[in-house]
Amino acid sequence: MEYAIRPATIADFQTILSWITSAETLKLWGGPSLSFPPAIDRSWREIEAGPENAFVLVDQQGLVVGFGQTLLREPDAVHLGRIIVAPTRRGQGVGRHLCKALLQLALERQHPSRITLNVYRENASALSLYTALGFVLSTEDPEKMSCSMYLTPSAITC
């Protein structure tokens, strides 16, 4: 199946938030600082979304099947965040398409020397995907529920 990535709109965000069905799902997706239950306008502001950093993956029919952000958190580094795939599309390679598209956008727009992301240890499928894409663990804090990963552009195989 073919996919395309485009800037997310607040209208798309209604679809994305419909995939968040519990406080735990919200935390896994957006981190501990988002308010539950999510509300379109408030959550859009909480994640500081805009056309320069929030993107949706759409299928051939134009349906939103994934969401993610590319964030500038430190000089010369892009942080991938809030990556989520539609529940009905999980396990079908959509997450891989989404991540590769986000990586390509980051490389083209920001030319980073490093790309980072955070993931909860219990999110085994995400950890597996990120490792397969070439991300490696940075210094790990056993006290934290999440871990940080990084990737250098030379390791990207998009």
C-alpha atoms as a PDB file:
ATOM      1  CA  MET A   1       0.000   0.000   0.000  1.00  0.00           C
ATOM      2  CA  GLU A   2       1.143   3.534  -0.732  1.00  0.00           C
ATOM      3  CA  TYR A   3       1.244   6.222   1.924  1.00  0.00           C
ATOM      4  CA  ALA A   4       1.901   9.953   1.974  1.00  0.00           C
ATOM      5  CA  ILE A   5       2.907  12.271   4.782  1.00  0.00           C
ATOM      6  CA  ARG A   6       1.558  15.786   5.172  1.00  0.00           C
ATOM      7  CA  PRO A   7       1.268  18.457   7.859  1.00  0.00           C
ATOM      8  CA  ALA A   8      -1.422  17.641  10.397  1.00  0.00           C
ATOM      9  CA  THR A   9      -4.390  19.913  10.903  1.00  0.00           C
ATOM     10  CA  ILE A  10      -6.474  20.355  13.990  1.00  0.00           C
ATOM     11  CA  ALA A  11      -9.270  18.600  12.080  1.00  0.00           C
ATOM     12  CA  ASP A  12      -6.997  15.528  11.716  1.00  0.00           C
ATOM     13  CA  PHE A  13      -6.383  15.682  15.437  1.00  0.00           C
ATOM     14  CA  GLN A  14      -9.964  14.637  16.169  1.00  0.00           C
ATOM     15  CA  THR A  15      -9.241  11.326  14.425  1.00  0.00           C
ATOM     16  CA  ILE A  16      -5.948  10.880  16.258  1.00  0.00           C
ATOM     17  CA  LEU A  17      -7.485  11.570  19.659  1.00  0.00           C
ATOM     18  CA  SER A  18     -10.213   8.999  18.935  1.00  0.00           C
ATOM     19  CA  TRP A  19      -7.420   6.391  19.119  1.00  0.00           C
ATOM     20  CA  ILE A  20      -6.677   7.444  22.733  1.00  0.00           C
ATOM     21  CA  THR A  21      -9.115   5.451  24.845  1.00  0.00           C
ATOM     22  CA  SER A  22      -7.559   5.593  28.303  1.00  0.00           C
ATOM     23  CA  ALA A  23      -5.267   7.624  30.510  1.00  0.00           C
ATOM     24  CA  GLU A  24      -2.621   4.909  30.080  1.00  0.00           C
ATOM     25  CA  THR A  25      -2.840   5.110  26.271  1.00  0.00           C
ATOM     26  CA  LEU A  26      -2.548   8.894  26.473  1.00  0.00           C
ATOM     27  CA  LYS A  27       0.553   8.589  28.666  1.00  0.00           C
ATOM     28  CA  LEU A  28       2.174   6.018  26.348  1.00  0.00           C
ATOM     29  CA  TRP A  29       1.542   8.270  23.365  1.00  0.00           C
ATOM     30  CA  GLY A  30       2.064  11.763  24.708  1.00  0.00           C
ATOM     31  CA  GLY A  31       3.920  11.469  27.971  1.00  0.00           C
ATOM     32  CA  PRO A  32       2.860  12.216  31.530  1.00  0.00           C
ATOM     33  CA  SER A  33       2.096  15.928  31.110  1.00  0.00           C
ATOM     34  CA  LEU A  34      -1.006  15.700  28.900  1.00  0.00           C
ATOM     35  CA  SER A  35      -4.461  16.120  30.403  1.00  0.00           C
ATOM     36  CA  PHE A  36      -6.963  13.256  30.351  1.00  0.00           C
ATOM     37  CA  PRO A  37      -9.439  13.042  28.834  1.00  0.00           C
ATOM     38  CA  PRO A  38      -7.844  14.666  25.791  1.00  0.00           C
ATOM     39  CA  ALA A  39      -9.662  17.588  24.196  1.00  0.00           C
ATOM     40  CA  ILE A  40      -8.871  18.690  20.661  1.00  0.00           C
ATOM     41  CA  ASP A  41      -7.938  22.343  21.225  1.00  0.00           C
ATOM     42  CA  ARG A  42      -6.310  21.849  24.629  1.00  0.00           C
ATOM     43  CA  SER A  43      -4.293  18.785  23.579  1.00  0.00           C
ATOM     44  CA  TRP A  44      -3.194  20.485  20.338  1.00  0.00           C
ATOM     45  CA  ARG A  45      -1.808  23.330  22.460  1.00  0.00           C
ATOM     46  CA  GLU A  46      -0.287  20.959  25.036  1.00  0.00           C
ATOM     47  CA  ILE A  47       1.789  19.215  22.375  1.00  0.00           C
ATOM     48  CA  GLU A  48       2.635  22.557  20.737  1.00  0.00           C
ATOM     49  CA  ALA A  49       1.488  21.208  17.373  1.00  0.00           C
ATOM     50  CA  GLY A  50       1.723  23.172  14.167  1.00  0.00           C
ATOM     51  CA  PRO A  51       2.298  22.588  10.458  1.00  0.00           C
ATOM     52  CA  GLU A  52       6.062  22.743  10.943  1.00  0.00           C
ATOM     53  CA  ASN A  53       6.230  19.902  13.494  1.00  0.00           C
ATOM     54  CA  ALA A  54       3.070  17.751  13.401  1.00  0.00           C
ATOM     55  CA  PHE A  55       2.434  15.302  10.575  1.00  0.00           C
ATOM     56  CA  VAL A  56      -0.069  12.666   9.548  1.00  0.00           C
ATOM     57  CA  LEU A  57       0.434   9.618   7.401  1.00  0.00           C
ATOM     58  CA  VAL A  58      -2.471   9.034   5.022  1.00  0.00           C
ATOM     59  CA  ASP A  59      -3.324   5.984   2.948  1.00  0.00           C
ATOM     60  CA  GLN A  60      -4.365   5.880  -0.717  1.00  0.00           C
ATOM     61  CA  GLN A  61      -7.925   6.816   0.210  1.00  0.00           C
ATOM     62  CA  GLY A  62      -6.724   9.843   2.179  1.00  0.00           C
ATOM     63  CA  LEU A  63      -7.552   8.294   5.561  1.00  0.00           C
ATOM     64  CA  VAL A  64      -5.311   9.305   8.462  1.00  0.00           C
ATOM     65  CA  VAL A  65      -3.483   6.182   9.633  1.00  0.00           C
ATOM     66  CA  GLY A  66      -0.644   7.663  11.703  1.00  0.00           C
ATOM     67  CA  PHE A  67       0.647  10.761  13.467  1.00  0.00           C
ATOM     68  CA  GLY A  68       4.019  11.955  14.674  1.00  0.00           C
ATOM     69  CA  GLN A  69       6.056  15.050  15.423  1.00  0.00           C
ATOM     70  CA  THR A  70       9.542  16.275  14.582  1.00  0.00           C
ATOM     71  CA  LEU A  71      10.669  18.621  17.327  1.00  0.00           C
ATOM     72  CA  LEU A  72      13.792  20.722  17.727  1.00  0.00           C
ATOM     73  CA  ARG A  73      14.734  20.133  21.352  1.00  0.00           C
ATOM     74  CA  GLU A  74      18.439  20.917  21.234  1.00  0.00           C
ATOM     75  CA  PRO A  75      20.828  22.437  18.686  1.00  0.00           C
ATOM     76  CA  ASP A  76      21.492  20.213  15.683  1.00  0.00           C
ATOM     77  CA  ALA A  77      19.162  17.448  16.917  1.00  0.00           C
ATOM     78  CA  VAL A  78      15.598  16.521  16.008  1.00  0.00           C
ATOM     79  CA  HIS A  79      13.360  14.681  18.444  1.00  0.00           C
ATOM     80  CA  LEU A  80      10.634  12.379  17.130  1.00  0.00           C
ATOM     81  CA  GLY A  81       7.621  12.402  19.387  1.00  0.00           C
ATOM     82  CA  ARG A  82       4.064  11.300  19.857  1.00  0.00           C
ATOM     83  CA  ILE A  83       4.176   8.605  17.220  1.00  0.00           C
ATOM     84  CA  ILE A  84       0.911   6.713  16.959  1.00  0.00           C
ATOM     85  CA  VAL A  85      -0.753   4.441  14.418  1.00  0.00           C
ATOM     86  CA  ALA A  86      -4.485   3.851  14.005  1.00  0.00           C
ATOM     87  CA  PRO A  87      -5.466   0.804  16.075  1.00  0.00           C
ATOM     88  CA  THR A  88      -6.938  -0.921  13.010  1.00  0.00           C
ATOM     89  CA  ARG A  89      -3.608  -0.544  11.146  1.00  0.00           C
ATOM     90  CA  ARG A  90      -1.193  -1.737  13.820  1.00  0.00           C
ATOM     91  CA  GLY A  91       0.967  -4.728  12.971  1.00  0.00           C
ATOM     92  CA  GLN A  92       0.777  -3.965   9.237  1.00  0.00           C
ATOM     93  CA  GLY A  93       4.015  -1.991   8.784  1.00  0.00           C
ATOM     94  CA  VAL A  94       2.333   1.424   9.006  1.00  0.00           C
ATOM     95  CA  GLY A  95       4.541   2.455  11.930  1.00  0.00           C
ATOM     96  CA  ARG A  96       7.633   1.707   9.858  1.00  0.00           C
ATOM     97  CA  HIS A  97       6.287   3.841   6.964  1.00  0.00           C
ATOM     98  CA  LEU A  98       5.444   6.659   9.378  1.00  0.00           C
ATOM     99  CA  CYS A  99       8.839   6.618  11.097  1.00  0.00           C
ATOM    100  CA  LYS A 100      10.741   6.498   7.821  1.00  0.00           C
ATOM    101  CA  ALA A 101       8.705   9.438   6.496  1.00  0.00           C
ATOM    102  CA  LEU A 102       9.364  11.437   9.686  1.00  0.00           C
ATOM    103  CA  LEU A 103      13.080  10.635   9.491  1.00  0.00           C
ATOM    104  CA  GLN A 104      13.174  11.753   5.855  1.00  0.00           C
ATOM    105  CA  LEU A 105      11.400  15.013   6.744  1.00  0.00           C
ATOM    106  CA  ALA A 106      13.834  15.663   9.580  1.00  0.00           C
ATOM    107  CA  LEU A 107      16.825  15.061   7.325  1.00  0.00           C
ATOM    108  CA  GLU A 108      15.503  17.284   4.538  1.00  0.00           C
ATOM    109  CA  ARG A 109      14.307  20.158   6.725  1.00  0.00           C
ATOM    110  CA  GLN A 110      16.706  20.334   9.666  1.00  0.00           C
ATOM    111  CA  HIS A 111      19.839  18.407   8.588  1.00  0.00           C
ATOM    112  CA  PRO A 112      20.415  17.144  12.149  1.00  0.00           C
ATOM    113  CA  SER A 113      23.519  15.408  13.385  1.00  0.00           C
ATOM    114  CA  ARG A 114      21.350  13.305  15.703  1.00  0.00           C
ATOM    115  CA  ILE A 115      17.723  12.184  15.929  1.00  0.00           C
ATOM    116  CA  THR A 116      16.293  11.207  19.304  1.00  0.00           C
ATOM    117  CA  LEU A 117      13.110   9.738  20.715  1.00  0.00           C
ATOM    118  CA  ASN A 118      11.788   8.462  24.017  1.00  0.00           C
ATOM    119  CA  VAL A 119       9.866   5.257  24.500  1.00  0.00           C
ATOM    120  CA  TYR A 120       8.352   3.489  27.486  1.00  0.00           C
ATOM    121  CA  ARG A 121      10.095   0.217  28.282  1.00  0.00           C
ATOM    122  CA  GLU A 122       6.765  -1.626  28.320  1.00  0.00           C
ATOM    123  CA  ASN A 123       6.074  -0.611  24.710  1.00  0.00           C
ATOM    124  CA  ALA A 124       7.753  -3.694  23.212  1.00  0.00           C
ATOM    125  CA  SER A 125       6.456  -3.212  19.659  1.00  0.00           C
ATOM    126  CA  ALA A 126       7.738   0.376  19.514  1.00  0.00           C
ATOM    127  CA  LEU A 127      11.118  -0.628  20.960  1.00  0.00           C
ATOM    128  CA  SER A 128      11.395  -3.363  18.351  1.00  0.00           C
ATOM    129  CA  LEU A 129      10.531  -0.984  15.509  1.00  0.00           C
ATOM    130  CA  TYR A 130      12.935   1.736  16.640  1.00  0.00           C
ATOM    131  CA  THR A 131      15.760  -0.772  17.071  1.00  0.00           C
ATOM    132  CA  ALA A 132      15.076  -2.187  13.594  1.00  0.00           C
ATOM    133  CA  LEU A 133      15.299   1.354  12.199  1.00  0.00           C
ATOM    134  CA  GLY A 134      18.761   1.739  13.722  1.00  0.00           C
ATOM    135  CA  PHE A 135      18.017   3.604  16.950  1.00  0.00           C
ATOM    136  CA  VAL A 136      20.216   2.634  19.876  1.00  0.00           C
ATOM    137  CA  LEU A 137      19.772   3.184  23.586  1.00  0.00           C
ATOM    138  CA  SER A 138      21.512   6.185  25.015  1.00  0.00           C
ATOM    139  CA  THR A 139      22.457   6.188  28.675  1.00  0.00           C
ATOM    140  CA  GLU A 140      19.754   4.250  30.428  1.00  0.00           C
ATOM    141  CA  ASP A 141      18.359   5.150  33.832  1.00  0.00           C
ATOM    142  CA  PRO A 142      16.939   1.988  35.451  1.00  0.00           C
ATOM    143  CA  GLU A 143      14.760   4.155  37.730  1.00  0.00           C
ATOM    144  CA  LYS A 144      12.839   5.640  34.801  1.00  0.00           C
ATOM    145  CA  MET A 145       9.952   3.920  33.050  1.00  0.00           C
ATOM    146  CA  SER A 146      11.089   5.315  29.715  1.00  0.00           C
ATOM    147  CA  CYS A 147      14.336   5.169  27.835  1.00  0.00           C
ATOM    148  CA  SER A 148      15.935   7.471  25.304  1.00  0.00           C
ATOM    149  CA  MET A 149      17.209   6.342  21.955  1.00  0.00           C
ATOM    150  CA  TYR A 150      19.209   8.088  19.274  1.00  0.00           C
ATOM    151  CA  LEU A 151      20.137   7.671  15.656  1.00  0.00           C
ATOM    152  CA  THR A 152      22.800   9.345  13.569  1.00  0.00           C
ATOM    153  CA  PRO A 153      21.832  10.280   9.984  1.00  0.00           C
ATOM    154  CA  SER A 154      24.548   8.014   8.565  1.00  0.00           C
ATOM    155  CA  ALA A 155      22.708   5.047  10.115  1.00  0.00           C
ATOM    156  CA  ILE A 156      19.370   5.891   8.470  1.00  0.00           C
ATOM    157  CA  THR A 157      18.230   3.542   5.747  1.00  0.00           C
ATOM    158  CA  CYS A 158      15.167   5.290   4.325  1.00  0.00           C
END
